[in-house]
C-alpha atoms as a PDB file:
ATOM      1  CA  MET A   1      24.387   7.485   1.498  1.00  0.00           C
ATOM      2  CA  ASP A   2      24.682  11.264   1.160  1.00  0.00           C
ATOM      3  CA  GLU A   3      23.318  12.606  -2.128  1.00  0.00           C
ATOM      4  CA  LYS A   4      21.076   9.556  -2.661  1.00  0.00           C
ATOM      5  CA  VAL A   5      17.377  10.025  -3.451  1.00  0.00           C
ATOM      6  CA  ALA A   6      14.568   7.863  -2.091  1.00  0.00           C
ATOM      7  CA  ILE A   7      10.839   7.648  -2.733  1.00  0.00           C
ATOM      8  CA  ILE A   8       8.915   6.411   0.316  1.00  0.00           C
ATOM      9  CA  THR A   9       5.199   5.686   0.031  1.00  0.00           C
ATOM     10  CA  GLY A  10       2.998   5.650   3.112  1.00  0.00           C
ATOM     11  CA  ALA A  11       5.288   8.295   4.600  1.00  0.00           C
ATOM     12  CA  SER A  12       2.610  10.191   6.501  1.00  0.00           C
ATOM     13  CA  SER A  13       2.432   7.620   9.335  1.00  0.00           C
ATOM     14  CA  GLY A  14       3.795   4.431  10.858  1.00  0.00           C
ATOM     15  CA  ILE A  15       6.721   2.572   9.349  1.00  0.00           C
ATOM     16  CA  GLY A  16       6.842   4.767   6.243  1.00  0.00           C
ATOM     17  CA  ARG A  17       7.088   7.901   8.369  1.00  0.00           C
ATOM     18  CA  ALA A  18       9.825   6.349  10.519  1.00  0.00           C
ATOM     19  CA  ALA A  19      11.753   5.345   7.391  1.00  0.00           C
ATOM     20  CA  ALA A  20      11.482   8.868   5.964  1.00  0.00           C
ATOM     21  CA  THR A  21      12.749  10.282   9.268  1.00  0.00           C
ATOM     22  CA  GLU A  22      15.693   7.870   9.399  1.00  0.00           C
ATOM     23  CA  PHE A  23      16.628   8.361   5.763  1.00  0.00           C
ATOM     24  CA  ARG A  24      16.576  12.128   6.065  1.00  0.00           C
ATOM     25  CA  ARG A  25      18.640  11.953   9.268  1.00  0.00           C
ATOM     26  CA  ARG A  26      21.207   9.919   7.348  1.00  0.00           C
ATOM     27  CA  GLY A  27      21.490  12.555   4.616  1.00  0.00           C
ATOM     28  CA  ILE A  28      19.255  10.943   1.980  1.00  0.00           C
ATOM     29  CA  SER A  29      16.895  13.215   0.029  1.00  0.00           C
ATOM     30  CA  VAL A  30      13.376  11.873   0.544  1.00  0.00           C
ATOM     31  CA  VAL A  31      10.235  12.192  -1.543  1.00  0.00           C
ATOM     32  CA  ALA A  32       7.609  11.532   1.142  1.00  0.00           C
ATOM     33  CA  VAL A  33       4.423  10.198  -0.452  1.00  0.00           C
ATOM     34  CA  GLY A  34       1.095  10.160   1.370  1.00  0.00           C
ATOM     35  CA  ARG A  35      -2.529  11.249   1.314  1.00  0.00           C
ATOM     36  CA  ASN A  36      -2.526  13.394   4.461  1.00  0.00           C
ATOM     37  CA  GLU A  37      -1.005  16.801   3.832  1.00  0.00           C
ATOM     38  CA  ALA A  38      -1.077  17.808   7.505  1.00  0.00           C
ATOM     39  CA  ASP A  39       0.840  14.699   8.565  1.00  0.00           C
ATOM     40  CA  LEU A  40       3.396  15.162   5.800  1.00  0.00           C
ATOM     41  CA  SER A  41       3.860  18.787   6.840  1.00  0.00           C
ATOM     42  CA  THR A  42       4.453  17.690  10.424  1.00  0.00           C
ATOM     43  CA  LEU A  43       7.017  15.158   9.214  1.00  0.00           C
ATOM     44  CA  ARG A  44       8.801  17.880   7.252  1.00  0.00           C
ATOM     45  CA  ASP A  45       8.852  20.237  10.240  1.00  0.00           C
ATOM     46  CA  GLU A  46       9.959  17.594  12.750  1.00  0.00           C
ATOM     47  CA  THR A  47      12.910  16.572  10.571  1.00  0.00           C
ATOM     48  CA  ARG A  48      13.868  20.074   9.466  1.00  0.00           C
ATOM     49  CA  GLU A  49      17.282  19.890  11.146  1.00  0.00           C
ATOM     50  CA  SER A  50      18.215  16.664   9.322  1.00  0.00           C
ATOM     51  CA  LYS A  51      20.915  16.501   6.650  1.00  0.00           C
ATOM     52  CA  GLY A  52      18.750  15.226   3.805  1.00  0.00           C
ATOM     53  CA  ALA A  53      16.172  17.194   1.859  1.00  0.00           C
ATOM     54  CA  LEU A  54      12.475  16.339   2.034  1.00  0.00           C
ATOM     55  CA  ARG A  55       9.935  16.878  -0.707  1.00  0.00           C
ATOM     56  CA  MET A  56       6.271  16.275   0.135  1.00  0.00           C
ATOM     57  CA  HIS A  57       4.137  14.576  -2.510  1.00  0.00           C
ATOM     58  CA  LEU A  58       0.395  14.081  -2.102  1.00  0.00           C
ATOM     59  CA  ALA A  59      -0.744  10.998  -4.009  1.00  0.00           C
ATOM     60  CA  ASP A  60      -3.063   8.006  -3.919  1.00  0.00           C
ATOM     61  CA  VAL A  61      -0.893   5.004  -4.762  1.00  0.00           C
ATOM     62  CA  THR A  62      -3.824   3.210  -6.400  1.00  0.00           C
ATOM     63  CA  GLU A  63      -4.102   5.923  -9.079  1.00  0.00           C
ATOM     64  CA  PHE A  64      -1.618   5.144 -11.842  1.00  0.00           C
ATOM     65  CA  THR A  65      -1.584   8.689 -13.222  1.00  0.00           C
ATOM     66  CA  GLN A  66      -0.535   9.939  -9.793  1.00  0.00           C
ATOM     67  CA  ILE A  67       2.324   7.421  -9.647  1.00  0.00           C
ATOM     68  CA  ASP A  68       3.417   8.547 -13.110  1.00  0.00           C
ATOM     69  CA  ARG A  69       3.409  12.148 -11.890  1.00  0.00           C
ATOM     70  CA  LEU A  70       5.346  11.150  -8.775  1.00  0.00           C
ATOM     71  CA  LEU A  71       8.121   9.646 -10.889  1.00  0.00           C
ATOM     72  CA  SER A  72       8.290  12.467 -13.409  1.00  0.00           C
ATOM     73  CA  GLU A  73       8.390  15.165 -10.717  1.00  0.00           C
ATOM     74  CA  THR A  74      11.008  13.290  -8.687  1.00  0.00           C
ATOM     75  CA  ILE A  75      13.326  12.948 -11.679  1.00  0.00           C
ATOM     76  CA  GLU A  76      12.676  16.524 -12.745  1.00  0.00           C
ATOM     77  CA  HIS A  77      13.530  17.847  -9.280  1.00  0.00           C
ATOM     78  CA  PHE A  78      16.388  15.538  -8.198  1.00  0.00           C
ATOM     79  CA  GLY A  79      17.576  14.133 -11.519  1.00  0.00           C
ATOM     80  CA  LYS A  80      17.693  10.520 -10.340  1.00  0.00           C
ATOM     81  CA  LEU A  81      16.284   7.820  -8.069  1.00  0.00           C
ATOM     82  CA  ASP A  82      18.360   5.484  -5.885  1.00  0.00           C
ATOM     83  CA  ILE A  83      15.866   3.862  -3.494  1.00  0.00           C
ATOM     84  CA  LEU A  84      12.180   2.952  -3.520  1.00  0.00           C
ATOM     85  CA  VAL A  85      10.461   2.025  -0.245  1.00  0.00           C
ATOM     86  CA  ASN A  86       6.889   0.739  -0.621  1.00  0.00           C
ATOM     87  CA  ALA A  87       5.378   1.253   2.838  1.00  0.00           C
ATOM     88  CA  ALA A  88       1.788   2.200   1.987  1.00  0.00           C
ATOM     89  CA  GLY A  89      -0.696  -0.424   3.076  1.00  0.00           C
ATOM     90  CA  ILE A  90      -3.978  -1.201   4.835  1.00  0.00           C
ATOM     91  CA  ILE A  91      -5.388  -4.046   6.929  1.00  0.00           C
ATOM     92  CA  LYS A  92      -8.977  -5.229   7.326  1.00  0.00           C
ATOM     93  CA  GLY A  93     -10.383  -8.139   9.282  1.00  0.00           C
ATOM     94  CA  GLY A  94     -12.373 -10.868   7.570  1.00  0.00           C
ATOM     95  CA  ASN A  95     -12.401 -14.566   6.729  1.00  0.00           C
ATOM     96  CA  ILE A  96     -13.190 -16.651   3.656  1.00  0.00           C
ATOM     97  CA  GLU A  97     -16.919 -16.421   4.367  1.00  0.00           C
ATOM     98  CA  ASP A  98     -17.434 -12.769   5.218  1.00  0.00           C
ATOM     99  CA  THR A  99     -14.779 -10.879   3.198  1.00  0.00           C
ATOM    100  CA  SER A 100     -16.619  -8.964   0.488  1.00  0.00           C
ATOM    101  CA  ILE A 101     -15.209  -8.786  -3.008  1.00  0.00           C
ATOM    102  CA  ASP A 102     -14.931  -5.001  -2.632  1.00  0.00           C
ATOM    103  CA  GLU A 103     -12.836  -5.404   0.534  1.00  0.00           C
ATOM    104  CA  TRP A 104     -10.696  -8.012  -1.230  1.00  0.00           C
ATOM    105  CA  ASP A 105     -10.119  -5.744  -4.232  1.00  0.00           C
ATOM    106  CA  ARG A 106      -9.252  -2.731  -2.062  1.00  0.00           C
ATOM    107  CA  MET A 107      -6.700  -4.761  -0.103  1.00  0.00           C
ATOM    108  CA  MET A 108      -5.085  -6.100  -3.263  1.00  0.00           C
ATOM    109  CA  ASN A 109      -5.099  -2.719  -5.006  1.00  0.00           C
ATOM    110  CA  ILE A 110      -3.326  -0.905  -2.192  1.00  0.00           C
ATOM    111  CA  ASN A 111      -1.091  -3.654  -0.818  1.00  0.00           C
ATOM    112  CA  VAL A 112      -0.036  -5.401  -4.054  1.00  0.00           C
ATOM    113  CA  ARG A 113      -1.128  -3.720  -7.284  1.00  0.00           C
ATOM    114  CA  SER A 114       0.291  -0.329  -6.326  1.00  0.00           C
ATOM    115  CA  VAL A 115       3.587  -1.920  -5.261  1.00  0.00           C
ATOM    116  CA  PHE A 116       3.892  -3.754  -8.569  1.00  0.00           C
ATOM    117  CA  TYR A 117       3.110  -0.680 -10.652  1.00  0.00           C
ATOM    118  CA  THR A 118       5.407   1.650  -8.708  1.00  0.00           C
ATOM    119  CA  MET A 119       8.274  -0.826  -8.915  1.00  0.00           C
ATOM    120  CA  GLN A 120       7.711  -1.330 -12.628  1.00  0.00           C
ATOM    121  CA  LYS A 121       7.811   2.396 -13.334  1.00  0.00           C
ATOM    122  CA  CYS A 122      10.920   2.907 -11.185  1.00  0.00           C
ATOM    123  CA  VAL A 123      13.014   0.195 -12.881  1.00  0.00           C
ATOM    124  CA  PRO A 124      14.510   2.401 -15.655  1.00  0.00           C
ATOM    125  CA  HIS A 125      15.603   4.988 -13.091  1.00  0.00           C
ATOM    126  CA  LEU A 126      16.932   2.450 -10.582  1.00  0.00           C
ATOM    127  CA  GLU A 127      18.911   0.731 -13.339  1.00  0.00           C
ATOM    128  CA  LYS A 128      20.800   3.959 -14.003  1.00  0.00           C
ATOM    129  CA  THR A 129      21.853   4.299 -10.357  1.00  0.00           C
ATOM    130  CA  LYS A 130      22.157   0.562  -9.550  1.00  0.00           C
ATOM    131  CA  GLY A 131      19.562   1.264  -6.916  1.00  0.00           C
ATOM    132  CA  ASN A 132      17.269  -0.911  -4.872  1.00  0.00           C
ATOM    133  CA  VAL A 133      13.748  -1.516  -3.566  1.00  0.00           C
ATOM    134  CA  VAL A 134      12.571  -2.343  -0.050  1.00  0.00           C
ATOM    135  CA  ASN A 135       8.972  -3.515   0.281  1.00  0.00           C
ATOM    136  CA  VAL A 136       7.155  -3.450   3.619  1.00  0.00           C
ATOM    137  CA  SER A 137       5.457  -6.814   3.946  1.00  0.00           C
ATOM    138  CA  SER A 138       4.346  -8.562   7.158  1.00  0.00           C
ATOM    139  CA  VAL A 139       4.726 -11.680   9.264  1.00  0.00           C
ATOM    140  CA  THR A 140       1.350 -12.560   7.717  1.00  0.00           C
ATOM    141  CA  GLY A 141       3.128 -12.972   4.395  1.00  0.00           C
ATOM    142  CA  LEU A 142       5.142 -15.818   5.909  1.00  0.00           C
ATOM    143  CA  ARG A 143       2.558 -17.385   8.215  1.00  0.00           C
ATOM    144  CA  SER A 144      -1.204 -17.815   8.078  1.00  0.00           C
ATOM    145  CA  PHE A 145      -3.413 -16.156  10.696  1.00  0.00           C
ATOM    146  CA  PRO A 146      -7.196 -16.364  11.161  1.00  0.00           C
ATOM    147  CA  ASN A 147      -9.619 -13.545  10.327  1.00  0.00           C
ATOM    148  CA  VAL A 148      -7.218 -11.447   8.231  1.00  0.00           C
ATOM    149  CA  LEU A 149      -7.492 -13.536   5.071  1.00  0.00           C
ATOM    150  CA  ALA A 150      -7.147 -10.837   2.405  1.00  0.00           C
ATOM    151  CA  TYR A 151      -4.331  -9.129   4.272  1.00  0.00           C
ATOM    152  CA  CYS A 152      -2.392 -12.400   4.591  1.00  0.00           C
ATOM    153  CA  VAL A 153      -2.823 -13.130   0.886  1.00  0.00           C
ATOM    154  CA  SER A 154      -1.778  -9.607  -0.101  1.00  0.00           C
ATOM    155  CA  LYS A 155       1.425  -9.759   1.945  1.00  0.00           C
ATOM    156  CA  ALA A 156       2.271 -13.251   0.668  1.00  0.00           C
ATOM    157  CA  ALA A 157       1.937 -11.759  -2.814  1.00  0.00           C
ATOM    158  CA  VAL A 158       4.314  -8.927  -1.872  1.00  0.00           C
ATOM    159  CA  ASP A 159       6.875 -11.485  -0.716  1.00  0.00           C
ATOM    160  CA  GLN A 160       6.676 -13.419  -3.976  1.00  0.00           C
ATOM    161  CA  LEU A 161       6.765 -10.185  -5.976  1.00  0.00           C
ATOM    162  CA  THR A 162       9.930  -9.304  -4.062  1.00  0.00           C
ATOM    163  CA  ARG A 163      11.607 -12.631  -4.819  1.00  0.00           C
ATOM    164  CA  CYS A 164      10.593 -12.827  -8.486  1.00  0.00           C
ATOM    165  CA  SER A 165      11.549  -9.235  -9.275  1.00  0.00           C
ATOM    166  CA  ALA A 166      14.860  -9.627  -7.410  1.00  0.00           C
ATOM    167  CA  LEU A 167      15.719 -12.534  -9.682  1.00  0.00           C
ATOM    168  CA  GLU A 168      14.711 -10.656 -12.826  1.00  0.00           C
ATOM    169  CA  LEU A 169      16.343  -7.340 -11.914  1.00  0.00           C
ATOM    170  CA  ALA A 170      19.658  -8.656 -10.592  1.00  0.00           C
ATOM    171  CA  PRO A 171      21.262  -8.509 -14.066  1.00  0.00           C
ATOM    172  CA  LYS A 172      20.389  -4.800 -14.145  1.00  0.00           C
ATOM    173  CA  GLY A 173      22.163  -4.253 -10.821  1.00  0.00           C
ATOM    174  CA  ILE A 174      18.915  -3.604  -8.936  1.00  0.00           C
ATOM    175  CA  ARG A 175      18.377  -5.263  -5.557  1.00  0.00           C
ATOM    176  CA  VAL A 176      14.877  -6.002  -4.176  1.00  0.00           C
ATOM    177  CA  ASN A 177      14.181  -7.018  -0.572  1.00  0.00           C
ATOM    178  CA  ALA A 178      11.298  -6.960   1.904  1.00  0.00           C
ATOM    179  CA  VAL A 179      10.847  -6.571   5.648  1.00  0.00           C
ATOM    180  CA  ASN A 180       8.228  -8.665   7.458  1.00  0.00           C
ATOM    181  CA  PRO A 181       7.236  -6.993  10.739  1.00  0.00           C
ATOM    182  CA  GLY A 182       5.102  -8.476  13.466  1.00  0.00           C
ATOM    183  CA  VAL A 183       2.756  -6.214  15.412  1.00  0.00           C
ATOM    184  CA  VAL A 184       4.155  -2.669  15.364  1.00  0.00           C
ATOM    185  CA  VAL A 185       2.711   0.294  17.275  1.00  0.00           C
ATOM    186  CA  THR A 186       1.224   2.387  14.446  1.00  0.00           C
ATOM    187  CA  ASN A 187      -2.210   3.598  13.342  1.00  0.00           C
ATOM    188  CA  LEU A 188      -2.647   0.663  10.939  1.00  0.00           C
ATOM    189  CA  HIS A 189      -5.095  -1.306  13.063  1.00  0.00           C
ATOM    190  CA  ARG A 190      -6.927   1.784  14.318  1.00  0.00           C
ATOM    191  CA  ARG A 191      -7.586   2.784  10.727  1.00  0.00           C
ATOM    192  CA  SER A 192      -9.028  -0.663  10.063  1.00  0.00           C
ATOM    193  CA  GLY A 193     -11.849   0.140  12.478  1.00  0.00           C
ATOM    194  CA  MET A 194     -10.401  -1.193  15.751  1.00  0.00           C
ATOM    195  CA  ASN A 195     -11.503   0.984  18.669  1.00  0.00           C
ATOM    196  CA  GLU A 196      -9.078   2.239  21.302  1.00  0.00           C
ATOM    197  CA  ALA A 197     -10.037  -0.297  23.988  1.00  0.00           C
ATOM    198  CA  ASP A 198      -9.662  -3.246  21.604  1.00  0.00           C
ATOM    199  CA  TYR A 199      -6.372  -1.844  20.297  1.00  0.00           C
ATOM    200  CA  GLU A 200      -4.952  -1.624  23.803  1.00  0.00           C
ATOM    201  CA  LYS A 201      -5.929  -5.269  24.410  1.00  0.00           C
ATOM    202  CA  PHE A 202      -4.362  -6.177  21.062  1.00  0.00           C
ATOM    203  CA  LEU A 203      -1.060  -4.538  22.005  1.00  0.00           C
ATOM    204  CA  ALA A 204      -1.138  -6.118  25.466  1.00  0.00           C
ATOM    205  CA  ASN A 205      -1.609  -9.540  23.871  1.00  0.00           C
ATOM    206  CA  ALA A 206       1.594  -8.970  21.876  1.00  0.00           C
ATOM    207  CA  LYS A 207       3.387  -9.863  25.105  1.00  0.00           C
ATOM    208  CA  ASN A 208       2.009 -13.378  24.638  1.00  0.00           C
ATOM    209  CA  THR A 209       2.169 -13.728  20.856  1.00  0.00           C
ATOM    210  CA  HIS A 210       5.712 -12.379  20.401  1.00  0.00           C
ATOM    211  CA  PRO A 211       8.466 -14.386  22.137  1.00  0.00           C
ATOM    212  CA  ILE A 212      10.454 -11.233  22.919  1.00  0.00           C
ATOM    213  CA  GLY A 213       7.394 -10.100  24.861  1.00  0.00           C
ATOM    214  CA  ARG A 214       6.276  -6.873  23.217  1.00  0.00           C
ATOM    215  CA  ALA A 215       5.112  -5.184  20.050  1.00  0.00           C
ATOM    216  CA  GLY A 216       7.670  -3.460  17.854  1.00  0.00           C
ATOM    217  CA  GLU A 217       8.317   0.230  17.251  1.00  0.00           C
ATOM    218  CA  PRO A 218       8.326   1.849  13.777  1.00  0.00           C
ATOM    219  CA  GLY A 219      11.886   3.049  14.233  1.00  0.00           C
ATOM    220  CA  GLU A 220      13.135  -0.498  14.701  1.00  0.00           C
ATOM    221  CA  VAL A 221      11.721  -1.493  11.317  1.00  0.00           C
ATOM    222  CA  ALA A 222      13.058   1.708   9.767  1.00  0.00           C
ATOM    223  CA  ASP A 223      16.567   0.754  10.904  1.00  0.00           C
ATOM    224  CA  LEU A 224      16.309  -2.520   8.975  1.00  0.00           C
ATOM    225  CA  ILE A 225      14.878  -0.768   5.911  1.00  0.00           C
ATOM    226  CA  TYR A 226      17.817   1.624   5.948  1.00  0.00           C
ATOM    227  CA  PHE A 227      20.317  -1.226   6.252  1.00  0.00           C
ATOM    228  CA  LEU A 228      18.793  -3.120   3.321  1.00  0.00           C
ATOM    229  CA  SER A 229      18.845   0.026   1.189  1.00  0.00           C
ATOM    230  CA  SER A 230      22.474   0.800   2.022  1.00  0.00           C
ATOM    231  CA  ASP A 231      25.731  -0.467   0.556  1.00  0.00           C
ATOM    232  CA  SER A 232      26.165  -2.584   3.688  1.00  0.00           C
ATOM    233  CA  ALA A 233      23.564  -4.900   2.124  1.00  0.00           C
ATOM    234  CA  LYS A 234      24.932  -4.789  -1.408  1.00  0.00           C
ATOM    235  CA  TRP A 235      25.113  -8.615  -1.640  1.00  0.00           C
ATOM    236  CA  ILE A 236      21.561  -9.131  -0.345  1.00  0.00           C
ATOM    237  CA  THR A 237      18.638  -9.454  -2.731  1.00  0.00           C
ATOM    238  CA  GLY A 238      15.405 -11.421  -2.812  1.00  0.00           C
ATOM    239  CA  ALA A 239      15.316 -11.645   0.978  1.00  0.00           C
ATOM    240  CA  THR A 240      12.193 -11.379   3.141  1.00  0.00           C
ATOM    241  CA  TYR A 241      13.514 -10.360   6.540  1.00  0.00           C
ATOM    242  CA  SER A 242      11.524 -11.199   9.673  1.00  0.00           C
ATOM    243  CA  ILE A 243      11.563  -8.365  12.200  1.00  0.00           C
ATOM    244  CA  ASP A 244       8.818  -9.540  14.505  1.00  0.00           C
ATOM    245  CA  GLY A 245      10.090 -10.313  17.986  1.00  0.00           C
ATOM    246  CA  GLY A 246      10.036 -13.999  17.052  1.00  0.00           C
ATOM    247  CA  ARG A 247       6.365 -14.011  16.014  1.00  0.00           C
ATOM    248  CA  ALA A 248       6.914 -16.115  12.887  1.00  0.00           C
ATOM    249  CA  LEU A 249       8.431 -18.865  15.022  1.00  0.00           C
ATOM    250  CA  THR A 250       5.260 -19.447  17.022  1.00  0.00           C
ATOM    251  CA  CYS A 251       1.999 -21.301  16.391  1.00  0.00           C
ATOM    252  CA  ALA A 252      -1.194 -19.296  15.841  1.00  0.00           C
ATOM    253  CA  ARG A 253      -2.799 -18.204  19.119  1.00  0.00           C
END
């Protein structure tokens, strides 16, 4: 994988940050995309001894002009693109009765619309390198859960986007896959408004809701993302891989 170039959105925290760390450790040049300059700088400094290069890129994935700039600057600097990892995303509680249309639109814009647009713009570059895409979805894309309606719908859309685009892009030599994590220890739920006490209870309950008996770690998901992006997975496309401690096998509780 040396000399390959990857764009990773949501790289300032959580799964995206872990993927950027793993990719750079493996010798892949990473364009780390996020909105928090301080967190991206910390990522750069913490991985300074890695083999791969890292280029920070501040951008809001919902702004199309910023995605266009991301692509043009990546190609200008590295000359190519081999891998796209769409890890940016948000979660917000709410059901069919109390989810506002603004909350619905924000969830869809960040979790689905930005993924679609970024993929679409990357296709010409990925075709040249016979590259691939890995989308970060969720167990909620595969199973329904109460009180996270918009999030569930957005991740189900990411899964179908993954499958449909994999079918359409296979003739171009481009693979498209997704990972579907269960509860992972990141800042995702804290940023949704969950306070520290409730978050600790939420993580403790993962012992009950995940058959393996714990929440996942970002690095575990990053390992799967790396595998799917590598030549070891060159006959895999259109897959939505559960990495959830068995969560998708259980009934809602």
